[in-house]
């Protein structure tokens, strides 16, 4: 396989990979894997106990419109 990339990009990527203590090949492989991974893989990520405990902490009315609330907040902020 041959990839043609900008030389400056390659140099920055080499520095980044070195700082992360991984090879440039591994960095590119991880990026492409992440980019092309099916969304079903995301569903397989376990939910930590902390996140589970946070679920249901805030009780909002069924008709709560967060978009409207946020819009009101921004309107007030930028008056």
N, C-alpha and C. Protein backbone atom coordinates (compact mmCIF):
# COMPACT_ATOMS: atom_id res chain seq x y z
N UNK A 1 0.84 -1.16 0.00
CA UNK A 1 0.00 0.00 0.00
C UNK A 1 0.90 1.24 0.00
N UNK A 2 0.52 2.22 -0.78
CA UNK A 2 1.28 3.46 -0.83
C UNK A 2 0.35 4.62 -0.53
N UNK A 3 0.76 5.47 0.39
CA UNK A 3 0.01 6.68 0.71
C UNK A 3 0.89 7.88 0.40
N UNK A 4 0.32 8.87 -0.18
CA UNK A 4 1.05 10.11 -0.44
C UNK A 4 0.49 11.18 0.48
N UNK A 5 1.36 11.69 1.35
CA UNK A 5 0.94 12.69 2.33
C UNK A 5 1.90 13.87 2.31
N UNK A 6 1.42 15.00 2.76
CA UNK A 6 2.24 16.20 2.88
C UNK A 6 3.37 15.93 3.88
N UNK A 7 4.57 16.33 3.52
CA UNK A 7 5.74 16.10 4.37
C UNK A 7 5.62 16.70 5.75
N UNK A 8 5.05 17.90 5.83
CA UNK A 8 4.89 18.55 7.14
C UNK A 8 3.92 17.77 8.02
N UNK A 9 2.88 17.24 7.41
CA UNK A 9 1.90 16.43 8.16
C UNK A 9 2.57 15.18 8.69
N UNK A 10 3.39 14.55 7.86
CA UNK A 10 4.10 13.34 8.29
C UNK A 10 5.02 13.64 9.47
N UNK A 11 5.75 14.72 9.39
CA UNK A 11 6.67 15.07 10.49
C UNK A 11 5.91 15.35 11.79
N UNK A 12 4.80 16.08 11.70
CA UNK A 12 4.00 16.34 12.91
C UNK A 12 3.43 15.04 13.47
N UNK A 13 3.00 14.15 12.57
CA UNK A 13 2.45 12.88 13.00
C UNK A 13 3.52 12.02 13.67
N UNK A 14 4.73 12.05 13.15
CA UNK A 14 5.83 11.30 13.76
C UNK A 14 6.12 11.80 15.17
N UNK A 15 6.12 13.11 15.33
CA UNK A 15 6.36 13.70 16.65
C UNK A 15 5.23 13.31 17.61
N UNK A 16 4.00 13.41 17.12
CA UNK A 16 2.85 13.04 17.97
C UNK A 16 2.94 11.57 18.38
N UNK A 17 3.21 10.69 17.40
CA UNK A 17 3.31 9.26 17.70
C UNK A 17 4.43 9.00 18.71
N UNK A 18 5.56 9.66 18.53
CA UNK A 18 6.67 9.50 19.45
C UNK A 18 6.28 9.94 20.87
N UNK A 19 5.60 11.07 20.97
CA UNK A 19 5.15 11.55 22.28
C UNK A 19 4.15 10.59 22.93
N UNK A 20 3.38 9.89 22.10
CA UNK A 20 2.40 8.92 22.61
C UNK A 20 3.02 7.54 22.82
N UNK A 21 4.31 7.43 22.45
CA UNK A 21 5.06 6.18 22.58
C UNK A 21 4.43 5.04 21.77
N UNK A 22 4.02 5.36 20.53
CA UNK A 22 3.52 4.36 19.61
C UNK A 22 4.14 4.63 18.24
N UNK A 23 4.09 3.64 17.40
CA UNK A 23 4.63 3.82 16.06
C UNK A 23 3.64 4.62 15.21
N UNK A 24 4.16 5.24 14.18
CA UNK A 24 3.30 5.99 13.27
C UNK A 24 2.31 5.04 12.59
N UNK A 25 2.76 3.85 12.26
CA UNK A 25 1.86 2.86 11.65
C UNK A 25 0.71 2.52 12.58
N UNK A 26 1.02 2.31 13.85
CA UNK A 26 -0.02 1.98 14.83
C UNK A 26 -0.98 3.15 15.01
N UNK A 27 -0.46 4.36 15.00
CA UNK A 27 -1.29 5.55 15.11
C UNK A 27 -2.27 5.64 13.95
N UNK A 28 -1.78 5.44 12.75
CA UNK A 28 -2.64 5.51 11.57
C UNK A 28 -3.65 4.36 11.58
N UNK A 29 -3.20 3.18 11.98
CA UNK A 29 -4.12 2.04 12.06
C UNK A 29 -5.24 2.32 13.05
N UNK A 30 -4.90 2.85 14.22
CA UNK A 30 -5.91 3.16 15.24
C UNK A 30 -6.88 4.22 14.74
N UNK A 31 -6.35 5.23 14.05
CA UNK A 31 -7.22 6.28 13.51
C UNK A 31 -8.19 5.71 12.49
N UNK A 32 -7.67 4.92 11.55
CA UNK A 32 -8.53 4.36 10.52
C UNK A 32 -9.53 3.37 11.11
N UNK A 33 -9.11 2.61 12.10
CA UNK A 33 -10.02 1.69 12.77
C UNK A 33 -11.15 2.45 13.44
N UNK A 34 -10.80 3.51 14.14
CA UNK A 34 -11.80 4.32 14.81
C UNK A 34 -12.74 4.98 13.80
N UNK A 35 -12.20 5.45 12.72
CA UNK A 35 -12.97 6.13 11.69
C UNK A 35 -13.96 5.19 11.00
N UNK A 36 -13.55 3.96 10.78
CA UNK A 36 -14.37 3.03 10.02
C UNK A 36 -15.15 2.03 10.87
N UNK A 37 -14.98 2.08 12.17
CA UNK A 37 -15.66 1.14 13.06
C UNK A 37 -17.17 1.36 12.98
N UNK A 38 -17.89 0.27 12.96
CA UNK A 38 -19.35 0.36 12.93
C UNK A 38 -19.85 0.89 14.26
N UNK A 39 -20.97 1.60 14.22
CA UNK A 39 -21.51 2.19 15.44
C UNK A 39 -21.94 1.13 16.43
N UNK A 40 -22.17 -0.09 15.99
CA UNK A 40 -22.56 -1.14 16.93
C UNK A 40 -21.45 -1.45 17.92
N UNK A 41 -20.19 -1.20 17.53
CA UNK A 41 -19.08 -1.40 18.47
C UNK A 41 -19.19 -0.46 19.66
N UNK A 42 -19.72 0.74 19.43
CA UNK A 42 -19.86 1.71 20.51
C UNK A 42 -20.83 1.19 21.55
N UNK A 43 -21.86 0.47 21.11
CA UNK A 43 -22.84 -0.08 22.04
C UNK A 43 -22.23 -1.13 22.96
N UNK A 44 -21.08 -1.68 22.59
CA UNK A 44 -20.44 -2.72 23.39
C UNK A 44 -19.58 -2.16 24.51
N UNK A 45 -19.40 -0.84 24.56
CA UNK A 45 -18.58 -0.23 25.60
C UNK A 45 -19.35 -0.32 26.92
N UNK A 46 -18.74 -0.90 27.94
CA UNK A 46 -19.45 -1.03 29.22
C UNK A 46 -19.67 0.32 29.89
N UNK A 47 -20.78 0.44 30.56
CA UNK A 47 -21.08 1.66 31.31
C UNK A 47 -20.52 1.48 32.72
N UNK A 48 -19.74 2.45 33.17
CA UNK A 48 -19.11 2.34 34.48
C UNK A 48 -20.16 2.53 35.58
N UNK A 49 -19.88 2.01 36.78
CA UNK A 49 -20.83 2.17 37.88
C UNK A 49 -21.13 3.64 38.19
N UNK A 50 -20.13 4.51 38.06
CA UNK A 50 -20.35 5.93 38.33
C UNK A 50 -21.40 6.50 37.37
N UNK A 51 -21.27 6.18 36.10
CA UNK A 51 -22.22 6.69 35.11
C UNK A 51 -23.61 6.11 35.38
N UNK A 52 -23.67 4.83 35.74
CA UNK A 52 -24.96 4.23 36.08
C UNK A 52 -25.61 4.94 37.26
N UNK A 53 -24.79 5.30 38.26
CA UNK A 53 -25.32 6.00 39.44
C UNK A 53 -25.84 7.39 39.09
N UNK A 54 -25.25 8.03 38.09
CA UNK A 54 -25.68 9.37 37.71
C UNK A 54 -27.01 9.36 36.97
N UNK A 55 -27.35 8.25 36.38
CA UNK A 55 -28.62 8.15 35.66
C UNK A 55 -29.79 8.37 36.60
N UNK A 56 -30.69 9.27 36.24
CA UNK A 56 -31.86 9.53 37.05
C UNK A 56 -31.64 10.53 38.17
N UNK A 57 -30.48 11.17 38.22
CA UNK A 57 -30.20 12.14 39.28
C UNK A 57 -31.10 13.36 39.14
N UNK A 58 -31.37 13.76 37.91
CA UNK A 58 -32.21 14.93 37.67
C UNK A 58 -33.57 14.45 37.17
N UNK A 59 -34.61 14.88 37.84
CA UNK A 59 -35.97 14.55 37.41
C UNK A 59 -36.55 15.74 36.69
N UNK A 60 -36.81 15.60 35.41
CA UNK A 60 -37.37 16.67 34.60
C UNK A 60 -38.80 16.30 34.20
N UNK A 61 -39.64 17.31 34.05
CA UNK A 61 -41.00 17.02 33.58
C UNK A 61 -40.98 16.37 32.19
N UNK A 62 -41.98 15.59 31.89
CA UNK A 62 -42.05 14.90 30.60
C UNK A 62 -42.09 15.88 29.44
N UNK A 63 -42.64 17.07 29.65
CA UNK A 63 -42.76 18.05 28.57
C UNK A 63 -41.61 19.06 28.55
N UNK A 64 -40.52 18.77 29.26
CA UNK A 64 -39.37 19.68 29.32
C UNK A 64 -38.74 19.81 27.94
N UNK A 65 -38.57 21.04 27.49
CA UNK A 65 -37.98 21.30 26.17
C UNK A 65 -36.61 21.93 26.37
N UNK A 66 -35.56 21.11 26.33
CA UNK A 66 -34.22 21.61 26.60
C UNK A 66 -33.76 22.60 25.53
N UNK A 67 -34.21 22.42 24.30
CA UNK A 67 -33.82 23.36 23.24
C UNK A 67 -34.40 24.75 23.51
N UNK A 68 -35.62 24.79 23.95
CA UNK A 68 -36.25 26.07 24.28
C UNK A 68 -35.55 26.72 25.47
N UNK A 69 -35.24 25.92 26.48
CA UNK A 69 -34.54 26.44 27.65
C UNK A 69 -33.17 27.00 27.29
N UNK A 70 -32.46 26.28 26.42
CA UNK A 70 -31.14 26.73 26.01
C UNK A 70 -31.25 28.01 25.19
N UNK A 71 -32.24 28.08 24.34
CA UNK A 71 -32.48 29.28 23.55
C UNK A 71 -32.75 30.48 24.46
N UNK A 72 -33.59 30.27 25.48
CA UNK A 72 -33.88 31.33 26.44
C UNK A 72 -32.60 31.77 27.16
N UNK A 73 -31.77 30.79 27.54
CA UNK A 73 -30.52 31.09 28.22
C UNK A 73 -29.61 31.96 27.34
N UNK A 74 -29.47 31.57 26.07
CA UNK A 74 -28.63 32.34 25.16
C UNK A 74 -29.18 33.74 24.92
N UNK A 75 -30.49 33.86 24.78
CA UNK A 75 -31.10 35.17 24.58
C UNK A 75 -30.82 36.07 25.78
N UNK A 76 -30.92 35.52 26.97
CA UNK A 76 -30.66 36.31 28.18
C UNK A 76 -29.17 36.67 28.27
N UNK A 77 -28.33 35.72 27.94
CA UNK A 77 -26.89 35.94 28.03
C UNK A 77 -26.41 37.04 27.08
N UNK A 78 -26.97 37.08 25.89
CA UNK A 78 -26.48 38.02 24.88
C UNK A 78 -27.39 39.21 24.65
N UNK A 79 -28.13 39.60 25.66
CA UNK A 79 -28.97 40.79 25.58
C UNK A 79 -28.14 42.03 25.42
